[in-house]
Amino acid sequence: MIAAVLVFATLVSQIETVRSTPPVCSCETPSVTKPKDALQSFNGLVGSWRGNGVPESGTKEEKLANAWNEKIAWSWKFKGDDAWLELTFEKSKNFTKGELRFTPDKDAKEPVPHRFTLVLTLTDKSTATFVGTFTDKDNKVLALTRTGGPAGEEQRMVFNLLHHNRHLYRLETRPAGTTVAFSKLYQVGATKEGVAFADVPKGPVCIVSGGLGTIKVPYKGKDYWVCCSGCRDEFKDDPEKYIKEAEKKAKEKK
């Protein structure tokens, strides 16, 4: 009888222990993509570009008469762990500046393509916001739909990254709420300044972004390379951080 009571007491104790022990989750914690990592696909845009813009409507003569030349400059910007790409325009008929940021959909329950937001400042100082995704399968295309645009109209900005020194961007439109094909309003073809079309990108790697290094920055008797003024300033703010990161990556490659 005593033995039976002891066995029962032991079972009760084990049950209570199981109840009081919190469940252990065997699931993996989802990794968080950093903005700088998500924007790596656009490293090739960093630098200065010569753009030739052509409107879509009008006769051949009218298109030539209304065509324009512009200069576009892309660079990295940093603030703490945040990173984004800044672009400035000179002599553009449409924009003066802009920012491209990684803006993930935090409510998405399944893995989705990286989402980006492009905010452009127009020549009249108003802003236009475009949100979309980047595809890198057959072609490298960043397609962004405008939010809060003109009533009754859906606008889309599309960037085609054709080559390391050539890309196109265009503005398209169609009636809101329809599935008809977009109509192109204008297109700008851009070529990188100082780079021949047939050149193959080669050279030092930017110690901050991982892009092509074009600017030399000395530190403690040694030269390091960065791709733009934004990365230069970021490196100067904390050189030891990026030197350690570069050394770690070099060891991992061995």
C-alpha atoms as a PDB file:
ATOM      1  CA  MET A   1       0.000   0.000   0.000  1.00  0.00           C
ATOM      2  CA  ILE A   2       2.765   2.419   0.936  1.00  0.00           C
ATOM      3  CA  ALA A   3       4.644   1.570  -2.278  1.00  0.00           C
ATOM      4  CA  ALA A   4       1.520   2.306  -4.362  1.00  0.00           C
ATOM      5  CA  VAL A   5       1.106   5.683  -2.661  1.00  0.00           C
ATOM      6  CA  LEU A   6       4.738   6.565  -3.358  1.00  0.00           C
ATOM      7  CA  VAL A   7       4.397   5.646  -7.029  1.00  0.00           C
ATOM      8  CA  PHE A   8       1.228   7.748  -7.343  1.00  0.00           C
ATOM      9  CA  ALA A   9       2.931  10.723  -5.678  1.00  0.00           C
ATOM     10  CA  THR A  10       5.877  10.429  -8.057  1.00  0.00           C
ATOM     11  CA  LEU A  11       3.588  10.431 -11.111  1.00  0.00           C
ATOM     12  CA  VAL A  12       1.716  13.496  -9.835  1.00  0.00           C
ATOM     13  CA  SER A  13       5.024  15.298  -9.293  1.00  0.00           C
ATOM     14  CA  GLN A  14       6.188  14.483 -12.836  1.00  0.00           C
ATOM     15  CA  ILE A  15       2.910  15.721 -14.331  1.00  0.00           C
ATOM     16  CA  GLU A  16       3.152  19.012 -12.435  1.00  0.00           C
ATOM     17  CA  THR A  17       6.753  19.447 -13.598  1.00  0.00           C
ATOM     18  CA  VAL A  18       5.695  19.009 -17.236  1.00  0.00           C
ATOM     19  CA  ARG A  19       2.857  21.490 -16.799  1.00  0.00           C
ATOM     20  CA  SER A  20       5.103  24.118 -15.256  1.00  0.00           C
ATOM     21  CA  THR A  21       7.852  23.764 -17.835  1.00  0.00           C
ATOM     22  CA  PRO A  22       7.398  26.236 -20.723  1.00  0.00           C
ATOM     23  CA  PRO A  23       7.363  24.665 -24.198  1.00  0.00           C
ATOM     24  CA  VAL A  24      10.629  24.853 -26.110  1.00  0.00           C
ATOM     25  CA  CYS A  25      10.317  26.137 -29.664  1.00  0.00           C
ATOM     26  CA  SER A  26      12.461  24.227 -32.113  1.00  0.00           C
ATOM     27  CA  CYS A  27      11.791  26.735 -34.866  1.00  0.00           C
ATOM     28  CA  GLU A  28      14.595  28.929 -36.179  1.00  0.00           C
ATOM     29  CA  THR A  29      14.533  32.657 -35.567  1.00  0.00           C
ATOM     30  CA  PRO A  30      14.027  34.342 -38.938  1.00  0.00           C
ATOM     31  CA  SER A  31      17.073  36.277 -40.043  1.00  0.00           C
ATOM     32  CA  VAL A  32      16.713  40.026 -40.418  1.00  0.00           C
ATOM     33  CA  THR A  33      18.050  41.508 -43.640  1.00  0.00           C
ATOM     34  CA  LYS A  34      20.038  44.672 -43.118  1.00  0.00           C
ATOM     35  CA  PRO A  35      19.324  47.625 -45.432  1.00  0.00           C
ATOM     36  CA  LYS A  36      22.897  47.675 -46.767  1.00  0.00           C
ATOM     37  CA  ASP A  37      22.681  43.983 -47.670  1.00  0.00           C
ATOM     38  CA  ALA A  38      19.283  44.351 -49.346  1.00  0.00           C
ATOM     39  CA  LEU A  39      20.541  47.235 -51.487  1.00  0.00           C
ATOM     40  CA  GLN A  40      23.614  45.368 -52.783  1.00  0.00           C
ATOM     41  CA  SER A  41      21.845  44.714 -56.105  1.00  0.00           C
ATOM     42  CA  PHE A  42      22.100  48.431 -56.873  1.00  0.00           C
ATOM     43  CA  ASN A  43      25.802  48.836 -56.130  1.00  0.00           C
ATOM     44  CA  GLY A  44      26.445  49.212 -59.847  1.00  0.00           C
ATOM     45  CA  LEU A  45      24.387  52.419 -59.910  1.00  0.00           C
ATOM     46  CA  VAL A  46      26.803  54.225 -57.594  1.00  0.00           C
ATOM     47  CA  GLY A  47      28.628  56.932 -59.518  1.00  0.00           C
ATOM     48  CA  SER A  48      27.820  59.599 -62.103  1.00  0.00           C
ATOM     49  CA  TRP A  49      25.727  58.996 -65.208  1.00  0.00           C
ATOM     50  CA  ARG A  50      24.911  60.897 -68.395  1.00  0.00           C
ATOM     51  CA  GLY A  51      21.235  60.572 -69.219  1.00  0.00           C
ATOM     52  CA  ASN A  52      19.376  61.206 -72.487  1.00  0.00           C
ATOM     53  CA  GLY A  53      15.625  61.629 -72.066  1.00  0.00           C
ATOM     54  CA  VAL A  54      13.021  61.272 -74.807  1.00  0.00           C
ATOM     55  CA  PRO A  55       9.224  61.731 -74.498  1.00  0.00           C
ATOM     56  CA  GLU A  56       7.072  58.972 -75.952  1.00  0.00           C
ATOM     57  CA  SER A  57       4.331  61.067 -77.519  1.00  0.00           C
ATOM     58  CA  GLY A  58       4.601  63.244 -80.617  1.00  0.00           C
ATOM     59  CA  THR A  59       6.153  62.999 -84.026  1.00  0.00           C
ATOM     60  CA  LYS A  60       9.813  62.179 -84.531  1.00  0.00           C
ATOM     61  CA  GLU A  61      10.591  65.863 -84.896  1.00  0.00           C
ATOM     62  CA  GLU A  62       8.607  66.743 -81.762  1.00  0.00           C
ATOM     63  CA  LYS A  63      10.372  64.041 -79.754  1.00  0.00           C
ATOM     64  CA  LEU A  64      13.769  65.351 -80.811  1.00  0.00           C
ATOM     65  CA  ALA A  65      12.722  68.911 -80.008  1.00  0.00           C
ATOM     66  CA  ASN A  66      11.548  67.939 -76.523  1.00  0.00           C
ATOM     67  CA  ALA A  67      14.422  65.591 -75.705  1.00  0.00           C
ATOM     68  CA  TRP A  68      16.815  66.548 -72.921  1.00  0.00           C
ATOM     69  CA  ASN A  69      20.162  65.656 -71.374  1.00  0.00           C
ATOM     70  CA  GLU A  70      20.602  65.201 -67.648  1.00  0.00           C
ATOM     71  CA  LYS A  71      23.211  64.080 -65.151  1.00  0.00           C
ATOM     72  CA  ILE A  72      22.400  61.550 -62.418  1.00  0.00           C
ATOM     73  CA  ALA A  73      24.624  60.771 -59.436  1.00  0.00           C
ATOM     74  CA  TRP A  74      24.026  57.859 -57.044  1.00  0.00           C
ATOM     75  CA  SER A  75      25.767  57.498 -53.673  1.00  0.00           C
ATOM     76  CA  TRP A  76      25.440  55.609 -50.398  1.00  0.00           C
ATOM     77  CA  LYS A  77      24.232  57.257 -47.204  1.00  0.00           C
ATOM     78  CA  PHE A  78      24.456  55.885 -43.664  1.00  0.00           C
ATOM     79  CA  LYS A  79      23.023  56.616 -40.240  1.00  0.00           C
ATOM     80  CA  GLY A  80      23.823  54.067 -37.558  1.00  0.00           C
ATOM     81  CA  ASP A  81      22.732  50.666 -38.850  1.00  0.00           C
ATOM     82  CA  ASP A  82      20.525  52.259 -41.501  1.00  0.00           C
ATOM     83  CA  ALA A  83      21.686  52.652 -45.090  1.00  0.00           C
ATOM     84  CA  TRP A  84      20.093  53.942 -48.276  1.00  0.00           C
ATOM     85  CA  LEU A  85      20.985  55.228 -51.727  1.00  0.00           C
ATOM     86  CA  GLU A  86      20.733  58.884 -52.610  1.00  0.00           C
ATOM     87  CA  LEU A  87      20.446  60.218 -56.140  1.00  0.00           C
ATOM     88  CA  THR A  88      20.722  63.750 -57.457  1.00  0.00           C
ATOM     89  CA  PHE A  89      19.744  65.131 -60.849  1.00  0.00           C
ATOM     90  CA  GLU A  90      21.169  68.013 -62.865  1.00  0.00           C
ATOM     91  CA  LYS A  91      19.236  69.551 -65.768  1.00  0.00           C
ATOM     92  CA  SER A  92      16.456  66.964 -65.500  1.00  0.00           C
ATOM     93  CA  LYS A  93      13.020  67.993 -66.749  1.00  0.00           C
ATOM     94  CA  ASN A  94      11.355  65.973 -64.009  1.00  0.00           C
ATOM     95  CA  PHE A  95      13.397  65.493 -60.812  1.00  0.00           C
ATOM     96  CA  THR A  96      15.992  67.163 -58.605  1.00  0.00           C
ATOM     97  CA  LYS A  97      16.829  64.406 -56.099  1.00  0.00           C
ATOM     98  CA  GLY A  98      15.649  61.172 -54.556  1.00  0.00           C
ATOM     99  CA  GLU A  99      16.216  58.352 -52.064  1.00  0.00           C
ATOM    100  CA  LEU A 100      15.975  54.594 -52.539  1.00  0.00           C
ATOM    101  CA  ARG A 101      15.402  52.626 -49.339  1.00  0.00           C
ATOM    102  CA  PHE A 102      14.808  49.031 -48.339  1.00  0.00           C
ATOM    103  CA  THR A 103      11.333  48.923 -46.763  1.00  0.00           C
ATOM    104  CA  PRO A 104      10.475  45.303 -45.927  1.00  0.00           C
ATOM    105  CA  ASP A 105       6.886  44.206 -45.453  1.00  0.00           C
ATOM    106  CA  LYS A 106       6.950  43.279 -41.757  1.00  0.00           C
ATOM    107  CA  ASP A 107       3.439  41.814 -41.916  1.00  0.00           C
ATOM    108  CA  ALA A 108       4.276  39.294 -44.639  1.00  0.00           C
ATOM    109  CA  LYS A 109       3.773  35.740 -43.343  1.00  0.00           C
ATOM    110  CA  GLU A 110       5.795  34.082 -46.100  1.00  0.00           C
ATOM    111  CA  PRO A 111       9.147  34.958 -47.714  1.00  0.00           C
ATOM    112  CA  VAL A 112       8.560  37.674 -50.296  1.00  0.00           C
ATOM    113  CA  PRO A 113      10.851  39.615 -52.639  1.00  0.00           C
ATOM    114  CA  HIS A 114      12.603  42.555 -51.046  1.00  0.00           C
ATOM    115  CA  ARG A 115      10.440  45.657 -51.132  1.00  0.00           C
ATOM    116  CA  PHE A 116      11.929  49.060 -51.893  1.00  0.00           C
ATOM    117  CA  THR A 117      10.648  52.619 -51.718  1.00  0.00           C
ATOM    118  CA  LEU A 118      11.851  55.392 -54.016  1.00  0.00           C
ATOM    119  CA  VAL A 119      10.967  58.963 -53.053  1.00  0.00           C
ATOM    120  CA  LEU A 120      11.652  61.492 -55.801  1.00  0.00           C
ATOM    121  CA  THR A 121      11.572  65.271 -55.505  1.00  0.00           C
ATOM    122  CA  LEU A 122      10.071  66.859 -58.599  1.00  0.00           C
ATOM    123  CA  THR A 123      11.214  70.120 -60.159  1.00  0.00           C
ATOM    124  CA  ASP A 124       8.222  71.895 -58.551  1.00  0.00           C
ATOM    125  CA  LYS A 125       9.548  70.696 -55.122  1.00  0.00           C
ATOM    126  CA  SER A 126       6.689  68.236 -54.591  1.00  0.00           C
ATOM    127  CA  THR A 127       7.501  64.581 -53.963  1.00  0.00           C
ATOM    128  CA  ALA A 128       6.406  61.329 -55.558  1.00  0.00           C
ATOM    129  CA  THR A 129       6.674  57.988 -53.734  1.00  0.00           C
ATOM    130  CA  PHE A 130       7.047  54.696 -55.579  1.00  0.00           C
ATOM    131  CA  VAL A 131       7.008  51.247 -53.942  1.00  0.00           C
ATOM    132  CA  GLY A 132       7.929  47.949 -55.549  1.00  0.00           C
ATOM    133  CA  THR A 133      10.303  45.016 -55.904  1.00  0.00           C
ATOM    134  CA  PHE A 134      13.471  44.033 -57.729  1.00  0.00           C
ATOM    135  CA  THR A 135      13.752  40.946 -59.929  1.00  0.00           C
ATOM    136  CA  ASP A 136      17.049  39.409 -60.958  1.00  0.00           C
ATOM    137  CA  LYS A 137      16.102  36.435 -63.122  1.00  0.00           C
ATOM    138  CA  ASP A 138      16.157  37.006 -66.879  1.00  0.00           C
ATOM    139  CA  ASN A 139      16.617  40.750 -66.499  1.00  0.00           C
ATOM    140  CA  LYS A 140      17.522  43.030 -63.622  1.00  0.00           C
ATOM    141  CA  VAL A 141      14.406  45.152 -63.198  1.00  0.00           C
ATOM    142  CA  LEU A 142      13.239  47.422 -60.397  1.00  0.00           C
ATOM    143  CA  ALA A 143       9.510  48.113 -60.887  1.00  0.00           C
ATOM    144  CA  LEU A 144       7.828  50.555 -58.501  1.00  0.00           C
ATOM    145  CA  THR A 145       4.206  51.727 -58.410  1.00  0.00           C
ATOM    146  CA  ARG A 146       3.391  55.249 -57.277  1.00  0.00           C
ATOM    147  CA  THR A 147       1.370  55.711 -54.107  1.00  0.00           C
ATOM    148  CA  GLY A 148      -0.945  58.706 -53.770  1.00  0.00           C
ATOM    149  CA  GLY A 149      -0.555  59.669 -57.414  1.00  0.00           C
ATOM    150  CA  PRO A 150      -3.008  61.506 -59.702  1.00  0.00           C
ATOM    151  CA  ALA A 151      -6.633  60.427 -59.320  1.00  0.00           C
ATOM    152  CA  GLY A 152      -7.791  57.921 -61.901  1.00  0.00           C
ATOM    153  CA  GLU A 153      -4.253  57.080 -62.976  1.00  0.00           C
ATOM    154  CA  GLU A 154      -1.730  54.413 -62.018  1.00  0.00           C
ATOM    155  CA  GLN A 155       1.907  55.383 -62.487  1.00  0.00           C
ATOM    156  CA  ARG A 156       4.915  53.102 -62.488  1.00  0.00           C
ATOM    157  CA  MET A 157       8.658  53.810 -62.511  1.00  0.00           C
ATOM    158  CA  VAL A 158      10.770  51.055 -64.037  1.00  0.00           C
ATOM    159  CA  PHE A 159      14.573  50.734 -63.935  1.00  0.00           C
ATOM    160  CA  ASN A 160      16.283  48.262 -66.279  1.00  0.00           C
ATOM    161  CA  LEU A 161      19.877  47.551 -65.218  1.00  0.00           C
ATOM    162  CA  LEU A 162      21.252  46.493 -68.586  1.00  0.00           C
ATOM    163  CA  HIS A 163      24.994  46.530 -68.012  1.00  0.00           C
ATOM    164  CA  HIS A 164      27.461  47.696 -65.386  1.00  0.00           C
ATOM    165  CA  ASN A 165      27.699  51.005 -67.256  1.00  0.00           C
ATOM    166  CA  ARG A 166      24.260  51.332 -68.826  1.00  0.00           C
ATOM    167  CA  HIS A 167      20.708  51.448 -67.505  1.00  0.00           C
ATOM    168  CA  LEU A 168      17.303  52.774 -68.508  1.00  0.00           C
ATOM    169  CA  TYR A 169      14.496  54.237 -66.476  1.00  0.00           C
ATOM    170  CA  ARG A 170      11.022  55.120 -67.655  1.00  0.00           C
ATOM    171  CA  LEU A 171       7.705  56.426 -66.333  1.00  0.00           C
ATOM    172  CA  GLU A 172       4.601  54.496 -67.376  1.00  0.00           C
ATOM    173  CA  THR A 173       0.914  55.056 -66.802  1.00  0.00           C
ATOM    174  CA  ARG A 174      -2.475  53.404 -67.250  1.00  0.00           C
ATOM    175  CA  PRO A 175      -6.044  54.034 -66.046  1.00  0.00           C
ATOM    176  CA  ALA A 176      -6.443  53.163 -62.364  1.00  0.00           C
ATOM    177  CA  GLY A 177      -8.219  49.916 -61.557  1.00  0.00           C
ATOM    178  CA  THR A 178      -7.550  48.359 -64.956  1.00  0.00           C
ATOM    179  CA  THR A 179      -5.235  45.635 -66.208  1.00  0.00           C
ATOM    180  CA  VAL A 180      -4.490  47.170 -69.592  1.00  0.00           C
ATOM    181  CA  ALA A 181      -0.854  47.495 -70.603  1.00  0.00           C
ATOM    182  CA  PHE A 182       1.087  50.467 -69.294  1.00  0.00           C
ATOM    183  CA  SER A 183       1.822  53.309 -71.703  1.00  0.00           C
ATOM    184  CA  LYS A 184       5.287  54.845 -71.588  1.00  0.00           C
ATOM    185  CA  LEU A 185       5.386  58.618 -70.987  1.00  0.00           C
ATOM    186  CA  TYR A 186       9.150  59.001 -71.368  1.00  0.00           C
ATOM    187  CA  GLN A 187      12.384  57.097 -71.084  1.00  0.00           C
ATOM    188  CA  VAL A 188      15.915  58.047 -70.051  1.00  0.00           C
ATOM    189  CA  GLY A 189      18.932  56.067 -71.186  1.00  0.00           C
ATOM    190  CA  ALA A 190      21.958  56.511 -68.935  1.00  0.00           C
ATOM    191  CA  THR A 191      25.629  55.664 -69.460  1.00  0.00           C
ATOM    192  CA  LYS A 192      28.297  55.858 -66.786  1.00  0.00           C
ATOM    193  CA  GLU A 193      30.654  58.781 -67.044  1.00  0.00           C
ATOM    194  CA  GLY A 194      34.259  57.958 -67.855  1.00  0.00           C
ATOM    195  CA  VAL A 195      33.597  54.277 -68.595  1.00  0.00           C
ATOM    196  CA  ALA A 196      33.737  52.786 -72.088  1.00  0.00           C
ATOM    197  CA  PHE A 197      30.761  50.593 -72.985  1.00  0.00           C
ATOM    198  CA  ALA A 198      32.838  47.450 -73.570  1.00  0.00           C
ATOM    199  CA  ASP A 199      34.830  47.781 -70.347  1.00  0.00           C
ATOM    200  CA  VAL A 200      34.591  45.007 -67.796  1.00  0.00           C
ATOM    201  CA  PRO A 201      34.247  46.276 -64.197  1.00  0.00           C
ATOM    202  CA  LYS A 202      37.428  45.514 -62.308  1.00  0.00           C
ATOM    203  CA  GLY A 203      39.468  47.087 -59.585  1.00  0.00           C
ATOM    204  CA  PRO A 204      39.550  47.402 -55.800  1.00  0.00           C
ATOM    205  CA  VAL A 205      36.469  46.686 -53.700  1.00  0.00           C
ATOM    206  CA  CYS A 206      34.783  49.385 -51.634  1.00  0.00           C
ATOM    207  CA  ILE A 207      35.514  48.520 -48.005  1.00  0.00           C
ATOM    208  CA  VAL A 208      32.102  49.831 -46.909  1.00  0.00           C
ATOM    209  CA  SER A 209      29.546  48.753 -49.540  1.00  0.00           C
ATOM    210  CA  GLY A 210      31.364  46.030 -51.443  1.00  0.00           C
ATOM    211  CA  GLY A 211      30.995  47.914 -54.737  1.00  0.00           C
ATOM    212  CA  LEU A 212      33.750  49.006 -57.091  1.00  0.00           C
ATOM    213  CA  GLY A 213      36.269  51.174 -55.269  1.00  0.00           C
ATOM    214  CA  THR A 214      37.023  54.458 -57.033  1.00  0.00           C
ATOM    215  CA  ILE A 215      38.192  56.756 -54.213  1.00  0.00           C
ATOM    216  CA  LYS A 216      41.348  56.145 -52.187  1.00  0.00           C
ATOM    217  CA  VAL A 217      41.200  56.901 -48.450  1.00  0.00           C
ATOM    218  CA  PRO A 218      44.423  56.746 -46.368  1.00  0.00           C
ATOM    219  CA  TYR A 219      44.326  55.498 -42.780  1.00  0.00           C
ATOM    220  CA  LYS A 220      47.276  54.736 -40.495  1.00  0.00           C
ATOM    221  CA  GLY A 221      49.701  54.611 -43.384  1.00  0.00           C
ATOM    222  CA  LYS A 222      47.585  52.305 -45.519  1.00  0.00           C
ATOM    223  CA  ASP A 223      45.220  53.057 -48.417  1.00  0.00           C
ATOM    224  CA  TYR A 224      41.631  51.807 -48.510  1.00  0.00           C
ATOM    225  CA  TRP A 225      39.093  52.139 -51.312  1.00  0.00           C
ATOM    226  CA  VAL A 226      35.496  53.359 -51.301  1.00  0.00           C
ATOM    227  CA  CYS A 227      32.959  53.827 -54.096  1.00  0.00           C
ATOM    228  CA  CYS A 228      31.446  57.226 -53.277  1.00  0.00           C
ATOM    229  CA  SER A 229      31.569  60.202 -50.947  1.00  0.00           C
ATOM    230  CA  GLY A 230      28.926  58.608 -48.702  1.00  0.00           C
ATOM    231  CA  CYS A 231      31.072  55.522 -48.134  1.00  0.00           C
ATOM    232  CA  ARG A 232      34.137  57.721 -47.671  1.00  0.00           C
ATOM    233  CA  ASP A 233      32.435  59.661 -44.878  1.00  0.00           C
ATOM    234  CA  GLU A 234      31.120  56.458 -43.293  1.00  0.00           C
ATOM    235  CA  PHE A 235      34.583  54.893 -43.312  1.00  0.00           C
ATOM    236  CA  LYS A 236      36.156  57.989 -41.782  1.00  0.00           C
ATOM    237  CA  ASP A 237      33.580  57.931 -38.970  1.00  0.00           C
ATOM    238  CA  ASP A 238      34.558  54.413 -37.890  1.00  0.00           C
ATOM    239  CA  PRO A 239      37.460  52.975 -39.913  1.00  0.00           C
ATOM    240  CA  GLU A 240      38.256  50.197 -37.443  1.00  0.00           C
ATOM    241  CA  LYS A 241      34.733  48.767 -37.797  1.00  0.00           C
ATOM    242  CA  TYR A 242      35.052  48.331 -41.559  1.00  0.00           C
ATOM    243  CA  ILE A 243      38.647  47.121 -41.447  1.00  0.00           C
ATOM    244  CA  LYS A 244      37.608  44.357 -39.026  1.00  0.00           C
ATOM    245  CA  GLU A 245      34.620  43.452 -41.222  1.00  0.00           C
ATOM    246  CA  ALA A 246      36.872  43.267 -44.287  1.00  0.00           C
ATOM    247  CA  GLU A 247      39.408  41.095 -42.463  1.00  0.00           C
ATOM    248  CA  LYS A 248      36.616  38.757 -41.311  1.00  0.00           C
ATOM    249  CA  LYS A 249      35.268  38.384 -44.861  1.00  0.00           C
ATOM    250  CA  ALA A 250      38.781  37.706 -46.175  1.00  0.00           C
ATOM    251  CA  LYS A 251      39.268  34.898 -43.628  1.00  0.00           C
ATOM    252  CA  GLU A 252      35.871  33.377 -44.498  1.00  0.00           C
ATOM    253  CA  LYS A 253      36.827  33.192 -48.177  1.00  0.00           C
ATOM    254  CA  LYS A 254      39.964  31.152 -47.431  1.00  0.00           C
END
